[in-house]
Amino acid sequence: MLIGNKIDKETRVVTREEGVKYARKHSMLFIEASAKTRDGVQCAFEELVEKIIQTPGLWETDKASHLKLSDSALQHEGGQCGAYCII
């Protein structure tokens, strides 16, 4: 999971689009968050737990699993949970 932190800052070092592109390239979950304002923090934990539950290969030791980001990753409405994995 890749978490873009400090989204509460006015200027960003890495854009949302760059984060999503990097996460897709490496088949990672991507969430934006702010530890300061707590935006996206709970969502990050929920998305990670949900993906672990939905992907037995992540908790079974005899199987490898490869995850891919959905094409609709940037189309999530509201909140900071803008990208997620699909199997």
PDB file of N, CA and C in Angstrom:
ATOM      1  N   MET A   1       0.851  -1.177   0.000  1.00  0.00           N
ATOM      2  CA  MET A   1       0.000   0.000   0.000  1.00  0.00           C
ATOM      3  C   MET A   1       0.892   1.234   0.000  1.00  0.00           C
ATOM      4  N   LEU A   2       0.564   2.176  -0.846  1.00  0.00           N
ATOM      5  CA  LEU A   2       1.257   3.461  -0.905  1.00  0.00           C
ATOM      6  C   LEU A   2       0.302   4.520  -0.367  1.00  0.00           C
ATOM      7  N   ILE A   3       0.772   5.280   0.615  1.00  0.00           N
ATOM      8  CA  ILE A   3      -0.055   6.340   1.177  1.00  0.00           C
ATOM      9  C   ILE A   3       0.620   7.677   0.911  1.00  0.00           C
ATOM     10  N   GLY A   4      -0.091   8.547   0.196  1.00  0.00           N
ATOM     11  CA  GLY A   4       0.380   9.913  -0.015  1.00  0.00           C
ATOM     12  C   GLY A   4      -0.008  10.721   1.209  1.00  0.00           C
ATOM     13  N   ASN A   5       0.984  11.138   1.988  1.00  0.00           N
ATOM     14  CA  ASN A   5       0.727  11.833   3.243  1.00  0.00           C
ATOM     15  C   ASN A   5       0.842  13.347   3.054  1.00  0.00           C
ATOM     16  N   LYS A   6       0.422  14.066   4.055  1.00  0.00           N
ATOM     17  CA  LYS A   6       0.506  15.528   4.117  1.00  0.00           C
ATOM     18  C   LYS A   6      -0.356  16.210   3.048  1.00  0.00           C
ATOM     19  N   ILE A   7      -1.540  15.644   2.803  1.00  0.00           N
ATOM     20  CA  ILE A   7      -2.425  16.269   1.817  1.00  0.00           C
ATOM     21  C   ILE A   7      -3.018  17.576   2.332  1.00  0.00           C
ATOM     22  N   ASP A   8      -2.783  17.876   3.602  1.00  0.00           N
ATOM     23  CA  ASP A   8      -3.250  19.131   4.168  1.00  0.00           C
ATOM     24  C   ASP A   8      -2.348  20.302   3.768  1.00  0.00           C
ATOM     25  N   LYS A   9      -1.171  20.027   3.233  1.00  0.00           N
ATOM     26  CA  LYS A   9      -0.238  21.071   2.810  1.00  0.00           C
ATOM     27  C   LYS A   9      -0.718  21.708   1.505  1.00  0.00           C
ATOM     28  N   GLU A  10      -0.498  23.012   1.362  1.00  0.00           N
ATOM     29  CA  GLU A  10      -0.914  23.708   0.140  1.00  0.00           C
ATOM     30  C   GLU A  10      -0.077  23.301  -1.068  1.00  0.00           C
ATOM     31  N   THR A  11       1.218  23.130  -0.859  1.00  0.00           N
ATOM     32  CA  THR A  11       2.078  22.711  -1.968  1.00  0.00           C
ATOM     33  C   THR A  11       2.457  21.257  -1.775  1.00  0.00           C
ATOM     34  N   ARG A  12       2.435  20.525  -2.878  1.00  0.00           N
ATOM     35  CA  ARG A  12       2.733  19.100  -2.829  1.00  0.00           C
ATOM     36  C   ARG A  12       4.045  18.811  -3.530  1.00  0.00           C
ATOM     37  N   VAL A  13       4.782  17.868  -2.989  1.00  0.00           N
ATOM     38  CA  VAL A  13       6.013  17.405  -3.619  1.00  0.00           C
ATOM     39  C   VAL A  13       5.654  16.406  -4.724  1.00  0.00           C
ATOM     40  N   VAL A  14       4.664  15.564  -4.454  1.00  0.00           N
ATOM     41  CA  VAL A  14       4.203  14.557  -5.404  1.00  0.00           C
ATOM     42  C   VAL A  14       2.715  14.787  -5.647  1.00  0.00           C
ATOM     43  N   THR A  15       2.304  14.861  -6.910  1.00  0.00           N
ATOM     44  CA  THR A  15       0.886  15.055  -7.224  1.00  0.00           C
ATOM     45  C   THR A  15       0.116  13.756  -7.027  1.00  0.00           C
ATOM     46  N   ARG A  16      -1.188  13.881  -6.923  1.00  0.00           N
ATOM     47  CA  ARG A  16      -2.067  12.711  -6.815  1.00  0.00           C
ATOM     48  C   ARG A  16      -1.876  11.799  -8.030  1.00  0.00           C
ATOM     49  N   GLU A  17      -1.800  12.398  -9.195  1.00  0.00           N
ATOM     50  CA  GLU A  17      -1.644  11.618 -10.423  1.00  0.00           C
ATOM     51  C   GLU A  17      -0.330  10.834 -10.430  1.00  0.00           C
ATOM     52  N   GLU A  18       0.749  11.442  -9.939  1.00  0.00           N
ATOM     53  CA  GLU A  18       2.031  10.747  -9.851  1.00  0.00           C
ATOM     54  C   GLU A  18       1.946   9.570  -8.875  1.00  0.00           C
ATOM     55  N   GLY A  19       1.244   9.779  -7.770  1.00  0.00           N
ATOM     56  CA  GLY A  19       1.073   8.709  -6.793  1.00  0.00           C
ATOM     57  C   GLY A  19       0.297   7.541  -7.364  1.00  0.00           C
ATOM     58  N   VAL A  20      -0.786   7.841  -8.067  1.00  0.00           N
ATOM     59  CA  VAL A  20      -1.600   6.787  -8.680  1.00  0.00           C
ATOM     60  C   VAL A  20      -0.795   6.051  -9.742  1.00  0.00           C
ATOM     61  N   LYS A  21      -0.053   6.795 -10.554  1.00  0.00           N
ATOM     62  CA  LYS A  21       0.753   6.176 -11.611  1.00  0.00           C
ATOM     63  C   LYS A  21       1.795   5.223 -11.014  1.00  0.00           C
ATOM     64  N   TYR A  22       2.479   5.663  -9.960  1.00  0.00           N
ATOM     65  CA  TYR A  22       3.486   4.832  -9.311  1.00  0.00           C
ATOM     66  C   TYR A  22       2.837   3.585  -8.697  1.00  0.00           C
ATOM     67  N   ALA A  23       1.704   3.776  -8.033  1.00  0.00           N
ATOM     68  CA  ALA A  23       1.007   2.650  -7.414  1.00  0.00           C
ATOM     69  C   ALA A  23       0.557   1.639  -8.465  1.00  0.00           C
ATOM     70  N   ARG A  24       0.043   2.111  -9.577  1.00  0.00           N
ATOM     71  CA  ARG A  24      -0.362   1.195 -10.651  1.00  0.00           C
ATOM     72  C   ARG A  24       0.825   0.414 -11.179  1.00  0.00           C
ATOM     73  N   LYS A  25       1.938   1.111 -11.406  1.00  0.00           N
ATOM     74  CA  LYS A  25       3.136   0.475 -11.950  1.00  0.00           C
ATOM     75  C   LYS A  25       3.613  -0.657 -11.052  1.00  0.00           C
ATOM     76  N   HIS A  26       3.462  -0.493  -9.749  1.00  0.00           N
ATOM     77  CA  HIS A  26       3.938  -1.479  -8.795  1.00  0.00           C
ATOM     78  C   HIS A  26       2.812  -2.307  -8.171  1.00  0.00           C
ATOM     79  N   SER A  27       1.623  -2.257  -8.760  1.00  0.00           N
ATOM     80  CA  SER A  27       0.458  -3.032  -8.309  1.00  0.00           C
ATOM     81  C   SER A  27       0.194  -2.851  -6.817  1.00  0.00           C
ATOM     82  N   MET A  28       0.069  -1.590  -6.419  1.00  0.00           N
ATOM     83  CA  MET A  28      -0.133  -1.265  -5.012  1.00  0.00           C
ATOM     84  C   MET A  28      -1.458  -0.561  -4.808  1.00  0.00           C
ATOM     85  N   LEU A  29      -1.996  -0.691  -3.599  1.00  0.00           N
ATOM     86  CA  LEU A  29      -3.107   0.163  -3.191  1.00  0.00           C
ATOM     87  C   LEU A  29      -2.561   1.581  -3.079  1.00  0.00           C
ATOM     88  N   PHE A  30      -3.388   2.586  -3.334  1.00  0.00           N
ATOM     89  CA  PHE A  30      -2.974   3.978  -3.162  1.00  0.00           C
ATOM     90  C   PHE A  30      -4.079   4.749  -2.464  1.00  0.00           C
ATOM     91  N   ILE A  31      -3.718   5.439  -1.413  1.00  0.00           N
ATOM     92  CA  ILE A  31      -4.636   6.278  -0.645  1.00  0.00           C
ATOM     93  C   ILE A  31      -3.904   7.574  -0.322  1.00  0.00           C
ATOM     94  N   GLU A  32      -4.627   8.669  -0.319  1.00  0.00           N
ATOM     95  CA  GLU A  32      -4.056   9.931   0.148  1.00  0.00           C
ATOM     96  C   GLU A  32      -4.577  10.188   1.554  1.00  0.00           C
ATOM     97  N   ALA A  33      -3.716  10.762   2.399  1.00  0.00           N
ATOM     98  CA  ALA A  33      -4.096  10.964   3.797  1.00  0.00           C
ATOM     99  C   ALA A  33      -3.353  12.154   4.391  1.00  0.00           C
ATOM    100  N   SER A  34      -3.818  12.549   5.554  1.00  0.00           N
ATOM    101  CA  SER A  34      -3.144  13.567   6.354  1.00  0.00           C
ATOM    102  C   SER A  34      -3.156  13.098   7.803  1.00  0.00           C
ATOM    103  N   ALA A  35      -1.987  12.874   8.345  1.00  0.00           N
ATOM    104  CA  ALA A  35      -1.903  12.491   9.753  1.00  0.00           C
ATOM    105  C   ALA A  35      -2.340  13.653  10.642  1.00  0.00           C
ATOM    106  N   LYS A  36      -2.096  14.864  10.190  1.00  0.00           N
ATOM    107  CA  LYS A  36      -2.432  16.053  10.972  1.00  0.00           C
ATOM    108  C   LYS A  36      -3.942  16.237  11.114  1.00  0.00           C
ATOM    109  N   THR A  37      -4.675  16.146   9.986  1.00  0.00           N
ATOM    110  CA  THR A  37      -6.126  16.361  10.019  1.00  0.00           C
ATOM    111  C   THR A  37      -6.910  15.055  10.112  1.00  0.00           C
ATOM    112  N   ARG A  38      -6.232  13.941   9.996  1.00  0.00           N
ATOM    113  CA  ARG A  38      -6.801  12.594  10.024  1.00  0.00           C
ATOM    114  C   ARG A  38      -7.610  12.250   8.774  1.00  0.00           C
ATOM    115  N   ASP A  39      -7.609  13.109   7.774  1.00  0.00           N
ATOM    116  CA  ASP A  39      -8.308  12.796   6.524  1.00  0.00           C
ATOM    117  C   ASP A  39      -7.663  11.575   5.873  1.00  0.00           C
ATOM    118  N   GLY A  40      -8.471  10.609   5.515  1.00  0.00           N
ATOM    119  CA  GLY A  40      -7.994   9.439   4.791  1.00  0.00           C
ATOM    120  C   GLY A  40      -7.323   8.373   5.630  1.00  0.00           C
ATOM    121  N   VAL A  41      -7.034   8.630   6.892  1.00  0.00           N
ATOM    122  CA  VAL A  41      -6.318   7.654   7.725  1.00  0.00           C
ATOM    123  C   VAL A  41      -7.185   6.424   7.977  1.00  0.00           C
ATOM    124  N   GLN A  42      -8.396   6.630   8.445  1.00  0.00           N
ATOM    125  CA  GLN A  42      -9.287   5.493   8.693  1.00  0.00           C
ATOM    126  C   GLN A  42      -9.561   4.750   7.392  1.00  0.00           C
ATOM    127  N   CYS A  43      -9.764   5.499   6.330  1.00  0.00           N
ATOM    128  CA  CYS A  43     -10.020   4.882   5.025  1.00  0.00           C
ATOM    129  C   CYS A  43      -8.862   3.981   4.611  1.00  0.00           C
ATOM    130  N   ALA A  44      -7.633   4.425   4.839  1.00  0.00           N
ATOM    131  CA  ALA A  44      -6.464   3.625   4.478  1.00  0.00           C
ATOM    132  C   ALA A  44      -6.487   2.284   5.205  1.00  0.00           C
ATOM    133  N   PHE A  45      -6.748   2.306   6.495  1.00  0.00           N
ATOM    134  CA  PHE A  45      -6.811   1.059   7.268  1.00  0.00           C
ATOM    135  C   PHE A  45      -7.963   0.177   6.798  1.00  0.00           C
ATOM    136  N   GLU A  46      -9.117   0.777   6.561  1.00  0.00           N
ATOM    137  CA  GLU A  46     -10.277  -0.001   6.126  1.00  0.00           C
ATOM    138  C   GLU A  46     -10.037  -0.648   4.768  1.00  0.00           C
ATOM    139  N   GLU A  47      -9.476   0.110   3.833  1.00  0.00           N
ATOM    140  CA  GLU A  47      -9.207  -0.435   2.497  1.00  0.00           C
ATOM    141  C   GLU A  47      -8.198  -1.581   2.570  1.00  0.00           C
ATOM    142  N   LEU A  48      -7.176  -1.425   3.393  1.00  0.00           N
ATOM    143  CA  LEU A  48      -6.159  -2.465   3.526  1.00  0.00           C
ATOM    144  C   LEU A  48      -6.748  -3.738   4.124  1.00  0.00           C
ATOM    145  N   VAL A  49      -7.510  -3.601   5.195  1.00  0.00           N
ATOM    146  CA  VAL A  49      -8.124  -4.772   5.823  1.00  0.00           C
ATOM    147  C   VAL A  49      -9.106  -5.436   4.870  1.00  0.00           C
ATOM    148  N   GLU A  50      -9.908  -4.637   4.186  1.00  0.00           N
ATOM    149  CA  GLU A  50     -10.874  -5.197   3.234  1.00  0.00           C
ATOM    150  C   GLU A  50     -10.165  -5.976   2.130  1.00  0.00           C
ATOM    151  N   LYS A  51      -9.078  -5.430   1.606  1.00  0.00           N
ATOM    152  CA  LYS A  51      -8.352  -6.107   0.539  1.00  0.00           C
ATOM    153  C   LYS A  51      -7.706  -7.393   1.042  1.00  0.00           C
ATOM    154  N   ILE A  52      -7.202  -7.386   2.262  1.00  0.00           N
ATOM    155  CA  ILE A  52      -6.620  -8.603   2.834  1.00  0.00           C
ATOM    156  C   ILE A  52      -7.688  -9.681   2.973  1.00  0.00           C
ATOM    157  N   ILE A  53      -8.862  -9.306   3.453  1.00  0.00           N
ATOM    158  CA  ILE A  53      -9.958 -10.265   3.608  1.00  0.00           C
ATOM    159  C   ILE A  53     -10.409 -10.803   2.256  1.00  0.00           C
ATOM    160  N   GLN A  54     -10.460  -9.948   1.242  1.00  0.00           N
ATOM    161  CA  GLN A  54     -10.928 -10.347  -0.087  1.00  0.00           C
ATOM    162  C   GLN A  54      -9.888 -11.122  -0.886  1.00  0.00           C
ATOM    163  N   THR A  55      -8.649 -11.139  -0.435  1.00  0.00           N
ATOM    164  CA  THR A  55      -7.577 -11.753  -1.207  1.00  0.00           C
ATOM    165  C   THR A  55      -6.894 -12.842  -0.386  1.00  0.00           C
ATOM    166  N   PRO A  56      -7.412 -14.061  -0.450  1.00  0.00           N
ATOM    167  CA  PRO A  56      -6.842 -15.148   0.345  1.00  0.00           C
ATOM    168  C   PRO A  56      -5.344 -15.325   0.122  1.00  0.00           C
ATOM    169  N   GLY A  57      -4.840 -15.020  -1.060  1.00  0.00           N
ATOM    170  CA  GLY A  57      -3.412 -15.155  -1.330  1.00  0.00           C
ATOM    171  C   GLY A  57      -2.560 -14.283  -0.438  1.00  0.00           C
ATOM    172  N   LEU A  58      -3.149 -13.260   0.160  1.00  0.00           N
ATOM    173  CA  LEU A  58      -2.395 -12.392   1.066  1.00  0.00           C
ATOM    174  C   LEU A  58      -2.255 -12.998   2.454  1.00  0.00           C
ATOM    175  N   TRP A  59      -3.120 -13.928   2.809  1.00  0.00           N
ATOM    176  CA  TRP A  59      -3.024 -14.530   4.129  1.00  0.00           C
ATOM    177  C   TRP A  59      -2.832 -16.031   4.088  1.00  0.00           C
ATOM    178  N   GLU A  60      -2.811 -16.623   2.916  1.00  0.00           N
ATOM    179  CA  GLU A  60      -2.462 -18.036   2.776  1.00  0.00           C
ATOM    180  C   GLU A  60      -1.014 -18.111   2.320  1.00  0.00           C
ATOM    181  N   THR A  61      -0.228 -18.939   2.957  1.00  0.00           N
ATOM    182  CA  THR A  61       1.197 -18.991   2.654  1.00  0.00           C
ATOM    183  C   THR A  61       1.543 -19.824   1.423  1.00  0.00           C
ATOM    184  N   ASP A  62       0.627 -20.663   0.938  1.00  0.00           N
ATOM    185  CA  ASP A  62       0.945 -21.530  -0.192  1.00  0.00           C
ATOM    186  C   ASP A  62       0.600 -20.933  -1.552  1.00  0.00           C
ATOM    187  N   LYS A  63       0.145 -19.715  -1.586  1.00  0.00           N
ATOM    188  CA  LYS A  63      -0.308 -19.121  -2.825  1.00  0.00           C
ATOM    189  C   LYS A  63       0.209 -17.699  -2.958  1.00  0.00           C
ATOM    190  N   ALA A  64       0.661 -17.322  -4.138  1.00  0.00           N
ATOM    191  CA  ALA A  64       1.056 -15.931  -4.391  1.00  0.00           C
ATOM    192  C   ALA A  64      -0.096 -15.238  -5.109  1.00  0.00           C
ATOM    193  N   SER A  65      -0.301 -13.991  -4.807  1.00  0.00           N
ATOM    194  CA  SER A  65      -1.374 -13.234  -5.427  1.00  0.00           C
ATOM    195  C   SER A  65      -0.824 -11.934  -5.986  1.00  0.00           C
ATOM    196  N   HIS A  66      -1.292 -11.569  -7.156  1.00  0.00           N
ATOM    197  CA  HIS A  66      -0.900 -10.302  -7.761  1.00  0.00           C
ATOM    198  C   HIS A  66      -2.138  -9.425  -7.876  1.00  0.00           C
ATOM    199  N   LEU A  67      -2.035  -8.217  -7.402  1.00  0.00           N
ATOM    200  CA  LEU A  67      -3.155  -7.292  -7.423  1.00  0.00           C
ATOM    201  C   LEU A  67      -2.946  -6.237  -8.491  1.00  0.00           C
ATOM    202  N   LYS A  68      -4.023  -5.766  -9.064  1.00  0.00           N
ATOM    203  CA  LYS A  68      -3.934  -4.703 -10.054  1.00  0.00           C
ATOM    204  C   LYS A  68      -4.882  -3.584  -9.670  1.00  0.00           C
ATOM    205  N   LEU A  69      -4.465  -2.354  -9.916  1.00  0.00           N
ATOM    206  CA  LEU A  69      -5.316  -1.211  -9.615  1.00  0.00           C
ATOM    207  C   LEU A  69      -6.421  -1.105 -10.656  1.00  0.00           C
ATOM    208  N   SER A  70      -7.588  -0.718 -10.221  1.00  0.00           N
ATOM    209  CA  SER A  70      -8.701  -0.569 -11.137  1.00  0.00           C
ATOM    210  C   SER A  70      -8.534   0.675 -11.987  1.00  0.00           C
ATOM    211  N   ASP A  71      -9.135   0.666 -13.167  1.00  0.00           N
ATOM    212  CA  ASP A  71      -9.097   1.831 -14.045  1.00  0.00           C
ATOM    213  C   ASP A  71      -9.892   2.988 -13.483  1.00  0.00           C
ATOM    214  N   SER A  72     -10.817   2.710 -12.590  1.00  0.00           N
ATOM    215  CA  SER A  72     -11.638   3.780 -12.017  1.00  0.00           C
ATOM    216  C   SER A  72     -11.015   4.367 -10.760  1.00  0.00           C
ATOM    217  N   ALA A  73      -9.735   4.160 -10.564  1.00  0.00           N
ATOM    218  CA  ALA A  73      -9.069   4.584  -9.332  1.00  0.00           C
ATOM    219  C   ALA A  73      -9.194   6.076  -9.072  1.00  0.00           C
ATOM    220  N   LEU A  74      -9.209   6.879 -10.114  1.00  0.00           N
ATOM    221  CA  LEU A  74      -9.292   8.325  -9.922  1.00  0.00           C
ATOM    222  C   LEU A  74     -10.731   8.825  -9.889  1.00  0.00           C
ATOM    223  N   GLN A  75     -11.700   7.940 -10.078  1.00  0.00           N
ATOM    224  CA  GLN A  75     -13.079   8.372 -10.194  1.00  0.00           C
ATOM    225  C   GLN A  75     -13.867   8.242  -8.906  1.00  0.00           C
ATOM    226  N   HIS A  76     -13.213   7.867  -7.812  1.00  0.00           N
ATOM    227  CA  HIS A  76     -13.906   7.726  -6.529  1.00  0.00           C
ATOM    228  C   HIS A  76     -14.412   9.090  -6.083  1.00  0.00           C
ATOM    229  N   GLU A  77     -15.647   9.155  -5.689  1.00  0.00           N
ATOM    230  CA  GLU A  77     -16.246  10.422  -5.286  1.00  0.00           C
ATOM    231  C   GLU A  77     -16.144  10.618  -3.793  1.00  0.00           C
ATOM    232  N   GLY A  78     -15.705  11.781  -3.373  1.00  0.00           N
ATOM    233  CA  GLY A  78     -15.644  12.143  -1.967  1.00  0.00           C
ATOM    234  C   GLY A  78     -14.510  11.478  -1.232  1.00  0.00           C
ATOM    235  N   GLY A  79     -14.046  12.097  -0.179  1.00  0.00           N
ATOM    236  CA  GLY A  79     -12.996  11.524   0.651  1.00  0.00           C
ATOM    237  C   GLY A  79     -11.674  11.397  -0.064  1.00  0.00           C
ATOM    238  N   GLN A  80     -10.739  10.745   0.574  1.00  0.00           N
ATOM    239  CA  GLN A  80      -9.398  10.611   0.036  1.00  0.00           C
ATOM    240  C   GLN A  80      -9.148   9.217  -0.533  1.00  0.00           C
ATOM    241  N   CYS A  81     -10.108   8.316  -0.413  1.00  0.00           N
ATOM    242  CA  CYS A  81      -9.916   6.955  -0.925  1.00  0.00           C
ATOM    243  C   CYS A  81     -10.103   6.954  -2.423  1.00  0.00           C
ATOM    244  N   GLY A  82      -9.095   7.388  -3.112  1.00  0.00           N
ATOM    245  CA  GLY A  82      -9.227   7.579  -4.546  1.00  0.00           C
ATOM    246  C   GLY A  82      -8.724   6.446  -5.384  1.00  0.00           C
ATOM    247  N   ALA A  83      -8.021   5.502  -4.843  1.00  0.00           N
ATOM    248  CA  ALA A  83      -7.509   4.403  -5.650  1.00  0.00           C
ATOM    249  C   ALA A  83      -7.576   3.138  -4.819  1.00  0.00           C
ATOM    250  N   TYR A  84      -7.810   2.043  -5.523  1.00  0.00           N
ATOM    251  CA  TYR A  84      -7.935   0.798  -4.797  1.00  0.00           C
ATOM    252  C   TYR A  84      -7.597  -0.337  -5.739  1.00  0.00           C
ATOM    253  N   CYS A  85      -7.387  -1.497  -5.201  1.00  0.00           N
ATOM    254  CA  CYS A  85      -7.022  -2.667  -6.000  1.00  0.00           C
ATOM    255  C   CYS A  85      -8.237  -3.505  -6.344  1.00  0.00           C
ATOM    256  N   ILE A  86      -8.150  -4.165  -7.474  1.00  0.00           N
ATOM    257  CA  ILE A  86      -9.109  -5.212  -7.789  1.00  0.00           C
ATOM    258  C   ILE A  86      -8.300  -6.464  -8.096  1.00  0.00           C
ATOM    259  N   ILE A  87      -8.920  -7.588  -7.973  1.00  0.00           N
ATOM    260  CA  ILE A  87      -8.206  -8.842  -8.239  1.00  0.00           C
ATOM    261  C   ILE A  87      -8.358  -9.179  -9.704  1.00  0.00           C
TER     262      ILE A  87
END
